[in-house]
Amino acid sequence: MTSELHEAAAQGFSSAAASYEEGRPTYPPAAVARLERELHLGPGRVVLDLAAGTGKLTALLVCTGATVVAIEPVAEMRAVLERALPRVRALPGTAEAIPLPRGSVDAVTVAQAFHWFRGEEALADIHRVLRPGGGLGLVWNDRDESVAWVARLTEIMEQHRGDVPSYRSVAWQEAFEQTALFGPLGHAESRHVHRLTPDGVIARVASVSFVATLPEPERERVLAEVRGLLATDPETRGRADLDFPYRTDVYWAERA
């Protein structure tokens, strides 16, 4: 299954599942409420959380009362989800080959992942599993770089990205522009703060796919540079807890 994924996702997330769970934020109530409203989530509805990772969004979807199915291709990430949410049906699979029957779900959500997909193929298979009138919701937590130390953190990481896909490139939107399978994308934005220890910030950086796949000496140099930033920046030095700010983007579209 992981052979079908981008190499950075397959290797990075398999080795960094624990760091991902420790360092990545959940999603703000306003974002979840928007998904709940636009996708009509609630008791009697079935929602597929696609590329569910360690279950950050999955757990919040369960709270809507909907029946939740999680699909995650990376076994190490899926194992974390299964331990945390044993009542959620969790399956291996990819967005381009969803292991569910036609017309079997009322809604599909994708958190922090659509930019990894082969967009047109993914939308075709999402359309297949959705019932008529169903909807697709996408959500991303994006670092708020109006805060100086977060901007510097991004600089440290991004020099190692290479050609790894990024949500910020908005290339993922091209698939929606080239298909008649979904209506226009709606969009809403909210703010979110993740309180972390300095070690949690290190885990946040270590969970980034292209950092996790670096050769060990280079990876350790990146994490050492982050430690140095946290120890010296006026906003972070000497702090036991840090507020890591995010801008959360939610998109939704109805199945045509």
Protein backbone atom coordinates (compact mmCIF):
# COMPACT_ATOMS: atom_id res chain seq x y z
CA MET A 1 0.00 0.00 0.00
CA THR A 2 2.70 2.51 0.93
CA SER A 3 4.42 1.86 -2.44
CA GLU A 4 1.54 3.83 -4.02
CA LEU A 5 2.27 6.88 -1.87
CA HIS A 6 4.72 9.70 -2.39
CA GLU A 7 8.04 8.41 -1.05
CA ALA A 8 8.32 11.23 1.51
CA ALA A 9 4.87 10.41 2.91
CA ALA A 10 5.43 6.66 2.99
CA GLN A 11 8.83 6.83 4.66
CA GLY A 12 8.45 10.01 6.69
CA PHE A 13 5.12 9.25 8.32
CA SER A 14 6.00 5.61 9.00
CA SER A 15 9.07 6.66 10.99
CA ALA A 16 7.50 9.72 12.63
CA ALA A 17 4.09 8.44 13.80
CA ALA A 18 4.90 8.99 17.48
CA SER A 19 6.24 12.49 16.82
CA TYR A 20 3.15 13.27 14.74
CA GLU A 21 0.83 12.31 17.58
CA GLU A 22 2.87 14.32 20.11
CA GLY A 23 3.61 17.43 18.10
CA ARG A 24 0.66 18.00 15.77
CA PRO A 25 -2.40 19.95 16.90
CA THR A 26 -6.00 18.90 16.83
CA TYR A 27 -8.53 21.15 15.02
CA PRO A 28 -10.37 24.16 16.46
CA PRO A 29 -14.07 23.96 17.38
CA ALA A 30 -15.00 26.51 14.69
CA ALA A 31 -13.45 24.35 11.96
CA VAL A 32 -15.17 21.20 13.18
CA ALA A 33 -18.49 23.05 13.49
CA ARG A 34 -18.14 24.23 9.90
CA LEU A 35 -17.54 20.66 8.69
CA GLU A 36 -20.46 19.44 10.77
CA ARG A 37 -22.76 22.07 9.29
CA GLU A 38 -21.68 21.90 5.65
CA LEU A 39 -21.50 18.08 5.53
CA HIS A 40 -24.62 17.56 7.66
CA LEU A 41 -22.81 15.34 10.14
CA GLY A 42 -24.70 13.71 12.96
CA PRO A 43 -26.43 10.53 14.09
CA GLY A 44 -27.51 8.32 11.21
CA ARG A 45 -24.84 9.69 8.87
CA VAL A 46 -21.71 7.83 7.76
CA VAL A 47 -18.50 9.81 7.29
CA LEU A 48 -15.22 8.58 5.82
CA ASP A 49 -12.10 10.21 7.27
CA LEU A 50 -9.63 9.68 4.44
CA ALA A 51 -5.86 9.66 5.09
CA ALA A 52 -6.82 9.82 8.74
CA GLY A 53 -3.27 9.67 10.11
CA THR A 54 -3.20 9.15 13.87
CA GLY A 55 -6.85 10.18 14.17
CA LYS A 56 -6.57 13.87 15.07
CA LEU A 57 -9.73 14.76 13.12
CA THR A 58 -11.28 11.29 13.42
CA ALA A 59 -11.80 11.69 17.16
CA LEU A 60 -13.64 14.98 16.65
CA LEU A 61 -15.87 13.47 13.96
CA VAL A 62 -16.90 10.73 16.39
CA CYS A 63 -18.17 13.45 18.72
CA THR A 64 -20.71 14.56 16.07
CA GLY A 65 -22.59 11.28 16.56
CA ALA A 66 -21.93 10.16 12.99
CA THR A 67 -20.61 6.68 12.21
CA VAL A 68 -16.96 7.17 11.29
CA VAL A 69 -14.79 4.99 9.04
CA ALA A 70 -11.07 5.83 8.90
CA ILE A 71 -8.75 4.97 6.03
CA GLU A 72 -5.00 5.41 6.47
CA PRO A 73 -2.34 3.81 4.24
CA VAL A 74 0.64 4.08 6.62
CA ALA A 75 0.46 1.16 9.05
CA GLU A 76 2.35 2.94 11.83
CA MET A 77 -0.03 5.92 11.75
CA ARG A 78 -3.07 3.67 11.58
CA ALA A 79 -1.86 1.69 14.61
CA VAL A 80 -1.83 4.89 16.71
CA LEU A 81 -5.39 5.66 15.58
CA GLU A 82 -6.60 2.14 16.39
CA ARG A 83 -5.18 2.30 19.91
CA ALA A 84 -6.79 5.68 20.58
CA LEU A 85 -10.14 4.95 18.89
CA PRO A 86 -10.75 1.19 19.11
CA ARG A 87 -14.43 1.54 18.15
CA VAL A 88 -13.66 3.25 14.84
CA ARG A 89 -13.40 0.94 11.83
CA ALA A 90 -9.91 1.62 10.45
CA LEU A 91 -8.77 0.26 7.08
CA PRO A 92 -5.67 0.45 4.91
CA GLY A 93 -6.25 2.22 1.62
CA THR A 94 -5.50 5.26 -0.50
CA ALA A 95 -7.58 8.15 -1.79
CA GLU A 96 -7.22 6.88 -5.35
CA ALA A 97 -8.43 3.35 -4.49
CA ILE A 98 -10.82 3.61 -1.54
CA PRO A 99 -11.71 0.14 -0.21
CA LEU A 100 -15.43 0.89 0.20
CA PRO A 101 -18.46 0.19 -2.02
CA ARG A 102 -20.07 2.71 -4.33
CA GLY A 103 -22.46 5.08 -2.57
CA SER A 104 -21.60 3.86 0.93
CA VAL A 105 -20.90 7.13 2.78
CA ASP A 106 -22.66 10.46 3.27
CA ALA A 107 -19.53 12.57 3.66
CA VAL A 108 -15.76 12.40 3.20
CA THR A 109 -13.24 14.42 5.18
CA VAL A 110 -9.54 14.88 4.52
CA ALA A 111 -7.36 16.56 7.12
CA GLN A 112 -3.86 17.76 6.36
CA ALA A 113 -3.53 15.44 3.36
CA PHE A 114 -5.29 16.32 0.09
CA HIS A 115 -2.14 17.95 -1.31
CA TRP A 116 -0.50 14.47 -1.22
CA PHE A 117 -3.18 12.93 -3.47
CA ARG A 118 -3.25 12.49 -7.21
CA GLY A 119 -6.08 14.98 -7.28
CA GLU A 120 -8.24 13.99 -10.24
CA GLU A 121 -8.00 10.27 -9.44
CA ALA A 122 -8.81 10.92 -5.80
CA LEU A 123 -11.84 13.07 -6.60
CA ALA A 124 -13.17 10.39 -8.96
CA ASP A 125 -13.01 7.72 -6.25
CA ILE A 126 -14.35 10.03 -3.55
CA HIS A 127 -17.28 10.78 -5.88
CA ARG A 128 -17.81 7.02 -6.31
CA VAL A 129 -18.12 6.25 -2.59
CA LEU A 130 -20.30 9.28 -1.80
CA ARG A 131 -24.08 9.01 -1.91
CA PRO A 132 -25.98 11.55 -4.04
CA GLY A 133 -26.09 14.84 -2.16
CA GLY A 134 -22.97 13.93 -0.19
CA GLY A 135 -20.13 16.31 0.47
CA LEU A 136 -16.36 16.52 0.76
CA GLY A 137 -14.60 18.54 3.47
CA LEU A 138 -10.91 19.45 3.55
CA VAL A 139 -9.06 20.99 6.47
CA TRP A 140 -5.51 22.16 7.08
CA ASN A 141 -3.76 23.65 10.10
CA ASP A 142 -1.23 26.09 8.65
CA ARG A 143 1.51 27.67 10.76
CA ASP A 144 0.85 31.33 11.54
CA GLU A 145 4.09 33.02 10.51
CA SER A 146 3.01 36.46 11.60
CA VAL A 147 4.68 35.30 14.85
CA ALA A 148 8.42 35.80 14.37
CA TRP A 149 9.70 32.61 16.00
CA VAL A 150 7.26 30.50 13.97
CA ALA A 151 8.46 32.20 10.77
CA ARG A 152 12.04 31.34 11.73
CA LEU A 153 11.00 27.75 12.44
CA THR A 154 9.57 27.52 8.92
CA GLU A 155 12.81 28.84 7.46
CA ILE A 156 14.78 26.14 9.25
CA MET A 157 12.51 23.40 7.91
CA GLU A 158 11.69 24.61 4.40
CA GLN A 159 15.26 24.59 3.14
CA HIS A 160 14.95 20.79 3.21
CA ARG A 161 11.59 20.44 1.42
CA GLY A 162 12.85 19.80 -2.12
CA ASP A 163 9.95 18.75 -4.35
CA VAL A 164 7.74 17.42 -1.56
CA PRO A 165 4.11 18.59 -2.12
CA SER A 166 2.85 21.52 -0.07
CA TYR A 167 -0.64 22.71 0.79
CA ARG A 168 0.59 26.27 0.36
CA SER A 169 1.36 25.77 -3.33
CA VAL A 170 -2.44 25.54 -3.96
CA ALA A 171 -1.63 23.11 -6.79
CA TRP A 172 -4.13 20.77 -5.15
CA GLN A 173 -6.95 23.11 -6.21
CA GLU A 174 -6.32 22.35 -9.90
CA ALA A 175 -8.09 19.01 -9.59
CA PHE A 176 -11.31 20.78 -8.56
CA GLU A 177 -11.00 23.20 -11.46
CA GLN A 178 -10.66 20.33 -13.94
CA THR A 179 -13.60 18.18 -12.82
CA ALA A 180 -17.38 18.42 -12.98
CA LEU A 181 -17.76 15.82 -10.21
CA PHE A 182 -17.98 18.43 -7.44
CA GLY A 183 -19.49 21.86 -7.08
CA PRO A 184 -17.47 24.98 -6.22
CA LEU A 185 -15.27 25.02 -3.15
CA GLY A 186 -16.49 26.95 -0.14
CA HIS A 187 -13.90 28.28 2.30
CA ALA A 188 -13.73 29.44 5.90
CA GLU A 189 -10.78 30.34 8.13
CA SER A 190 -10.32 30.25 11.88
CA ARG A 191 -7.46 30.66 14.33
CA HIS A 192 -6.03 27.98 16.55
CA VAL A 193 -3.34 27.78 19.24
CA HIS A 194 -1.59 24.56 20.24
CA ARG A 195 0.08 24.70 23.66
CA LEU A 196 3.27 22.65 23.66
CA THR A 197 6.41 22.14 25.70
CA PRO A 198 9.68 22.87 23.91
CA ASP A 199 10.05 19.10 23.43
CA GLY A 200 6.61 19.14 21.81
CA VAL A 201 7.82 21.74 19.32
CA ILE A 202 10.79 19.49 18.54
CA ALA A 203 8.33 16.64 17.94
CA ARG A 204 6.30 18.95 15.68
CA VAL A 205 9.35 19.54 13.50
CA ALA A 206 10.39 15.88 13.62
CA SER A 207 6.91 14.90 12.36
CA VAL A 208 7.38 16.77 9.07
CA SER A 209 7.78 14.18 6.33
CA PHE A 210 10.83 15.66 4.64
CA VAL A 211 12.58 16.20 7.98
CA ALA A 212 11.85 12.63 9.08
CA THR A 213 13.41 11.24 5.88
CA LEU A 214 16.68 13.18 6.16
CA PRO A 215 19.84 11.14 6.88
CA GLU A 216 20.19 10.93 10.65
CA PRO A 217 23.13 13.36 11.05
CA GLU A 218 21.34 15.99 8.94
CA ARG A 219 18.05 15.43 10.76
CA GLU A 220 19.79 15.90 14.12
CA ARG A 221 21.35 19.15 12.88
CA VAL A 222 17.88 20.46 11.96
CA LEU A 223 16.48 19.56 15.39
CA ALA A 224 19.53 21.08 17.10
CA GLU A 225 18.95 24.32 15.18
CA VAL A 226 15.33 24.33 16.39
CA ARG A 227 16.48 23.76 19.98
CA GLY A 228 18.84 26.71 19.60
CA LEU A 229 16.01 28.89 18.31
CA LEU A 230 13.77 27.98 21.26
CA ALA A 231 16.58 28.58 23.74
CA THR A 232 17.49 32.04 22.41
CA ASP A 233 14.41 33.69 20.91
CA PRO A 234 12.94 36.28 23.33
CA GLU A 235 9.44 34.84 22.87
CA THR A 236 10.43 31.26 23.68
CA ARG A 237 13.54 31.13 25.86
CA GLY A 238 13.03 29.89 29.39
CA ARG A 239 9.40 29.01 28.75
CA ALA A 240 8.00 25.70 30.03
CA ASP A 241 5.01 25.98 27.68
CA LEU A 242 4.73 27.62 24.28
CA ASP A 243 1.70 28.75 22.30
CA PHE A 244 2.14 27.54 18.72
CA PRO A 245 -0.28 29.54 16.53
CA TYR A 246 -2.07 28.24 13.44
CA ARG A 247 -4.48 29.47 10.82
CA THR A 248 -6.98 26.70 10.06
CA ASP A 249 -8.48 26.55 6.57
CA VAL A 250 -11.65 24.56 5.89
CA TYR A 251 -12.94 23.86 2.37
CA TRP A 252 -16.05 22.00 1.31
CA ALA A 253 -17.77 20.95 -1.92
CA GLU A 254 -20.93 19.07 -2.76
CA ARG A 255 -20.96 15.95 -4.90
CA ALA A 256 -22.39 16.87 -8.30
